[in-house]
C-alpha atoms as a PDB file:
ATOM      1  CA  UNK A   1       6.745  -1.123 -14.127  1.00  0.00           C
ATOM      2  CA  UNK A   2       8.673  -3.467 -11.939  1.00  0.00           C
ATOM      3  CA  UNK A   3      10.995  -2.217  -9.217  1.00  0.00           C
ATOM      4  CA  UNK A   4      13.598  -4.380  -7.501  1.00  0.00           C
ATOM      5  CA  UNK A   5      14.887  -3.680  -4.011  1.00  0.00           C
ATOM      6  CA  UNK A   6      17.784  -5.609  -2.517  1.00  0.00           C
ATOM      7  CA  UNK A   7      17.207  -6.419   1.151  1.00  0.00           C
ATOM      8  CA  UNK A   8      19.419  -8.854   3.054  1.00  0.00           C
ATOM      9  CA  UNK A   9      17.652 -12.153   3.764  1.00  0.00           C
ATOM     10  CA  UNK A  10      18.033 -11.877   7.532  1.00  0.00           C
ATOM     11  CA  UNK A  11      16.251  -8.531   7.515  1.00  0.00           C
ATOM     12  CA  UNK A  12      13.551  -9.791   5.156  1.00  0.00           C
ATOM     13  CA  UNK A  13      12.868 -12.635   7.571  1.00  0.00           C
ATOM     14  CA  UNK A  14      12.445 -10.145  10.418  1.00  0.00           C
ATOM     15  CA  UNK A  15       9.980  -8.051   8.443  1.00  0.00           C
ATOM     16  CA  UNK A  16       7.584 -10.754   7.205  1.00  0.00           C
ATOM     17  CA  UNK A  17       7.105 -14.473   6.907  1.00  0.00           C
ATOM     18  CA  UNK A  18       7.286 -14.669   3.093  1.00  0.00           C
ATOM     19  CA  UNK A  19       8.672 -12.559   0.249  1.00  0.00           C
ATOM     20  CA  UNK A  20       5.137 -12.188  -1.155  1.00  0.00           C
ATOM     21  CA  UNK A  21       3.962 -10.667   2.123  1.00  0.00           C
ATOM     22  CA  UNK A  22       6.865  -8.232   2.063  1.00  0.00           C
ATOM     23  CA  UNK A  23       6.079  -7.266  -1.526  1.00  0.00           C
ATOM     24  CA  UNK A  24       2.438  -6.567  -0.632  1.00  0.00           C
ATOM     25  CA  UNK A  25       3.418  -4.664   2.519  1.00  0.00           C
ATOM     26  CA  UNK A  26       5.820  -2.422   0.599  1.00  0.00           C
ATOM     27  CA  UNK A  27       3.194  -1.753  -2.076  1.00  0.00           C
ATOM     28  CA  UNK A  28       0.681  -0.795   0.605  1.00  0.00           C
ATOM     29  CA  UNK A  29       3.169   1.577   2.235  1.00  0.00           C
ATOM     30  CA  UNK A  30       3.867   3.229  -1.116  1.00  0.00           C
ATOM     31  CA  UNK A  31       0.158   3.607  -1.878  1.00  0.00           C
ATOM     32  CA  UNK A  32      -0.637   5.013   1.573  1.00  0.00           C
ATOM     33  CA  UNK A  33       2.094   7.630   1.333  1.00  0.00           C
ATOM     34  CA  UNK A  34       1.148   8.550  -2.234  1.00  0.00           C
ATOM     35  CA  UNK A  35      -2.472   9.019  -1.163  1.00  0.00           C
ATOM     36  CA  UNK A  36      -1.564  11.049   1.933  1.00  0.00           C
ATOM     37  CA  UNK A  37       0.543  13.405  -0.179  1.00  0.00           C
ATOM     38  CA  UNK A  38      -2.234  13.623  -2.798  1.00  0.00           C
ATOM     39  CA  UNK A  39      -0.129  12.092  -5.568  1.00  0.00           C
ATOM     40  CA  UNK A  40      -2.786   9.471  -6.295  1.00  0.00           C
ATOM     41  CA  UNK A  41      -6.552   9.432  -5.974  1.00  0.00           C
ATOM     42  CA  UNK A  42      -8.922   7.283  -3.958  1.00  0.00           C
ATOM     43  CA  UNK A  43      -9.794   5.433  -7.178  1.00  0.00           C
ATOM     44  CA  UNK A  44      -6.126   4.760  -7.932  1.00  0.00           C
ATOM     45  CA  UNK A  45      -5.630   3.289  -4.441  1.00  0.00           C
ATOM     46  CA  UNK A  46      -8.260   0.706  -5.301  1.00  0.00           C
ATOM     47  CA  UNK A  47      -6.700   0.007  -8.688  1.00  0.00           C
ATOM     48  CA  UNK A  48      -3.177  -0.458  -7.359  1.00  0.00           C
ATOM     49  CA  UNK A  49      -4.234  -2.711  -4.494  1.00  0.00           C
ATOM     50  CA  UNK A  50      -6.929  -4.515  -6.508  1.00  0.00           C
ATOM     51  CA  UNK A  51      -9.558  -3.764  -3.889  1.00  0.00           C
ATOM     52  CA  UNK A  52     -13.089  -4.867  -4.823  1.00  0.00           C
ATOM     53  CA  UNK A  53     -15.027  -1.684  -4.015  1.00  0.00           C
ATOM     54  CA  UNK A  54     -14.780   1.930  -2.960  1.00  0.00           C
ATOM     55  CA  UNK A  55     -15.874   0.816   0.522  1.00  0.00           C
ATOM     56  CA  UNK A  56     -12.912  -1.563   0.675  1.00  0.00           C
ATOM     57  CA  UNK A  57     -10.666   1.381  -0.254  1.00  0.00           C
ATOM     58  CA  UNK A  58     -12.282   3.510   2.470  1.00  0.00           C
ATOM     59  CA  UNK A  59     -11.707   0.751   5.026  1.00  0.00           C
ATOM     60  CA  UNK A  60      -8.088   0.246   3.938  1.00  0.00           C
ATOM     61  CA  UNK A  61      -7.339   3.967   4.199  1.00  0.00           C
ATOM     62  CA  UNK A  62      -9.092   4.291   7.549  1.00  0.00           C
ATOM     63  CA  UNK A  63      -7.189   1.293   8.944  1.00  0.00           C
ATOM     64  CA  UNK A  64      -3.916   2.966   7.962  1.00  0.00           C
ATOM     65  CA  UNK A  65      -4.997   6.419   9.187  1.00  0.00           C
ATOM     66  CA  UNK A  66      -4.857   7.887   5.688  1.00  0.00           C
ATOM     67  CA  UNK A  67      -8.066   9.848   5.869  1.00  0.00           C
ATOM     68  CA  UNK A  68     -10.192  10.886   2.923  1.00  0.00           C
ATOM     69  CA  UNK A  69      -9.463  14.207   1.270  1.00  0.00           C
ATOM     70  CA  UNK A  70     -12.438  16.520   1.372  1.00  0.00           C
ATOM     71  CA  UNK A  71     -11.630  19.413  -0.931  1.00  0.00           C
END
């Protein structure tokens, strides 16, 4: 699925240096929130962000203070 968001250029420039960086940043924010609210799994975080290992997923989540769910 592809989603398009219209953001004025002057605001885009304030948020990141390139459109690709903004796209990645928005994807990361979506994934973090989806994980925090238990809508996606640890494995799916790695899939969506194309992270190379479960340890890379752990590090990403820890960096963004989205701690592992221990149920």
